[in-house]
Protein backbone atom coordinates (compact mmCIF):
# COMPACT_ATOMS: atom_id res chain seq x y z
CA MET A 1 9.44 2.51 -22.41
CA GLN A 2 7.56 2.56 -19.13
CA SER A 3 9.53 2.75 -15.90
CA VAL A 4 9.26 0.06 -13.24
CA PRO A 5 6.90 1.21 -10.48
CA THR A 6 8.07 1.45 -6.89
CA ILE A 7 5.70 -0.33 -4.54
CA CYS A 8 5.99 0.65 -0.89
CA VAL A 9 5.00 -1.83 1.80
CA VAL A 10 4.31 -0.84 5.42
CA ASP A 11 3.92 -3.65 7.94
CA ASP A 12 5.34 -4.08 11.43
CA ASP A 13 5.65 -7.85 10.83
CA GLU A 14 9.10 -8.49 9.35
CA ALA A 15 8.04 -11.81 7.81
CA ILE A 16 5.19 -10.13 5.90
CA ARG A 17 7.51 -7.37 4.68
CA GLU A 18 10.10 -9.88 3.47
CA SER A 19 7.49 -12.09 1.83
CA LEU A 20 5.91 -9.21 -0.07
CA ASP A 21 9.32 -7.81 -0.97
CA ASN A 22 10.43 -11.15 -2.44
CA PHE A 23 7.17 -11.74 -4.29
CA LEU A 24 6.91 -8.26 -5.82
CA ARG A 25 10.57 -8.26 -6.87
CA SER A 26 10.08 -11.68 -8.48
CA VAL A 27 7.49 -10.12 -10.82
CA GLY A 28 9.76 -7.21 -11.73
CA MET A 29 8.66 -4.45 -9.38
CA ARG A 30 10.85 -2.20 -7.30
CA VAL A 31 9.98 -2.43 -3.63
CA ARG A 32 10.65 -0.34 -0.54
CA THR A 33 9.61 -1.70 2.83
CA PHE A 34 8.92 0.14 6.08
CA SER A 35 8.29 -1.18 9.57
CA SER A 36 6.05 1.73 10.62
CA ALA A 37 3.76 4.41 9.27
CA GLU A 38 6.06 7.06 10.69
CA GLU A 39 9.02 5.61 8.77
CA PHE A 40 7.01 5.72 5.53
CA ILE A 41 5.86 9.30 6.11
CA ALA A 42 9.51 10.36 6.40
CA TYR A 43 10.29 8.70 3.04
CA GLU A 44 10.45 11.16 0.18
CA GLY A 45 11.09 8.79 -2.71
CA GLU A 46 8.77 7.56 -5.43
CA THR A 47 5.66 5.64 -4.49
CA ALA A 48 3.55 4.24 -7.33
CA CYS A 49 1.38 2.34 -4.84
CA LEU A 50 1.37 1.85 -1.07
CA VAL A 51 0.42 -1.48 0.49
CA THR A 52 -0.08 -1.00 4.21
CA ASP A 53 -1.25 -3.01 7.15
CA LEU A 54 -4.14 -1.54 9.07
CA ASN A 55 -3.03 -2.62 12.55
CA LEU A 56 0.42 -1.15 13.04
CA LYS A 57 2.33 -0.36 16.19
CA GLY A 58 2.32 3.39 16.70
CA MET A 59 0.30 5.15 14.01
CA ASP A 60 -2.31 2.80 12.53
CA GLY A 61 -3.33 2.48 8.90
CA PHE A 62 -6.35 4.77 9.27
CA SER A 63 -4.16 7.56 10.65
CA LEU A 64 -1.55 6.94 7.95
CA GLN A 65 -4.18 7.40 5.26
CA MET A 66 -5.32 10.69 6.82
CA VAL A 67 -1.79 12.07 7.18
CA LEU A 68 -0.98 11.20 3.56
CA LEU A 69 -4.09 13.06 2.40
CA GLN A 70 -3.15 16.07 4.54
CA LEU A 71 0.35 16.02 3.00
CA GLY A 72 -1.08 15.84 -0.51
CA ARG A 73 0.45 12.43 -1.15
CA ARG A 74 -2.29 10.94 -3.25
CA HIS A 75 -0.80 7.66 -4.46
CA PRO A 76 -3.06 4.60 -4.45
CA VAL A 77 -3.29 2.80 -1.10
CA ILE A 78 -4.10 -0.86 -0.65
CA VAL A 79 -5.01 -1.63 2.96
CA MET A 80 -4.48 -5.14 4.31
CA THR A 81 -5.47 -6.64 7.64
CA ALA A 82 -5.90 -9.95 9.39
CA PHE A 83 -8.75 -8.43 11.42
CA ALA A 84 -11.20 -7.35 8.76
CA THR A 85 -14.58 -5.98 9.74
CA PRO A 86 -17.18 -4.30 7.57
CA ALA A 87 -16.62 -1.08 9.54
CA ALA A 88 -12.85 -1.16 8.94
CA ARG A 89 -13.36 -1.86 5.24
CA ASN A 90 -15.88 0.95 4.87
CA ARG A 91 -13.71 3.42 6.76
CA SER A 92 -10.60 2.61 4.71
CA LEU A 93 -12.45 2.95 1.43
CA ALA A 94 -14.16 6.15 2.59
CA GLN A 95 -10.72 7.57 3.38
CA GLY A 96 -9.69 6.91 -0.21
CA ALA A 97 -8.13 3.45 -0.15
CA PHE A 98 -7.95 1.87 -3.59
CA ALA A 99 -8.63 -1.58 -2.12
CA PHE A 100 -9.04 -3.43 1.16
CA VAL A 101 -7.76 -7.02 1.43
CA THR A 102 -7.62 -9.58 4.18
CA LYS A 103 -4.65 -11.61 5.34
CA PRO A 104 -3.52 -14.18 4.56
CA LEU A 105 -3.02 -12.51 1.22
CA ASP A 106 -3.61 -14.13 -2.13
CA PRO A 107 -0.42 -13.00 -3.94
CA GLU A 108 -1.97 -13.11 -7.40
CA ASN A 109 -4.98 -11.07 -6.28
CA LEU A 110 -2.67 -8.54 -4.63
CA LEU A 111 -0.60 -8.30 -7.80
CA LEU A 112 -3.72 -7.63 -9.87
CA LEU A 113 -4.81 -4.92 -7.44
CA ILE A 114 -1.38 -3.29 -7.55
CA GLU A 115 -1.31 -3.39 -11.35
CA ASP A 116 -4.81 -1.86 -11.46
CA ALA A 117 -3.83 0.83 -8.94
CA VAL A 118 -0.65 1.74 -10.79
CA GLY A 119 -2.47 1.64 -14.12
CA ASN A 120 -5.18 3.94 -12.78
CA ARG A 121 -2.58 6.34 -11.45
CA GLN A 122 -0.70 6.40 -14.76
CA GLY A 123 -4.00 6.96 -16.55
CA ASP A 124 -4.69 9.94 -14.29
CA ARG A 125 -1.44 11.55 -15.45
CA GLU A 126 -2.26 11.37 -19.12
CA PRO A 127 -3.77 14.48 -20.73
């Protein structure tokens, strides 16, 4: 029996956090939400996949990705933003993001990306 993955969401917009929390829980996932990159970095619990906004107050999504790499926290990262540019997309993917999506989010597309990311991570663990 496979365990339920914990999806972590970082966004400084409370409405986005609540919306994603409700949606992901409705499809059977465990969810942890954080209002800042710094709050997530301090979290030491399980993370099957991280969904983070790019434009955060304080540390932005680019910096969060770099810090996670430096800390050896290599879980899949899905970057989301309302201000997508080709440069931002390329930079996020170059820094190891699993996917880059624009807001407003298509919940079904996000769910597929999360399932793919978690599936890829679980596949990486198999011998």
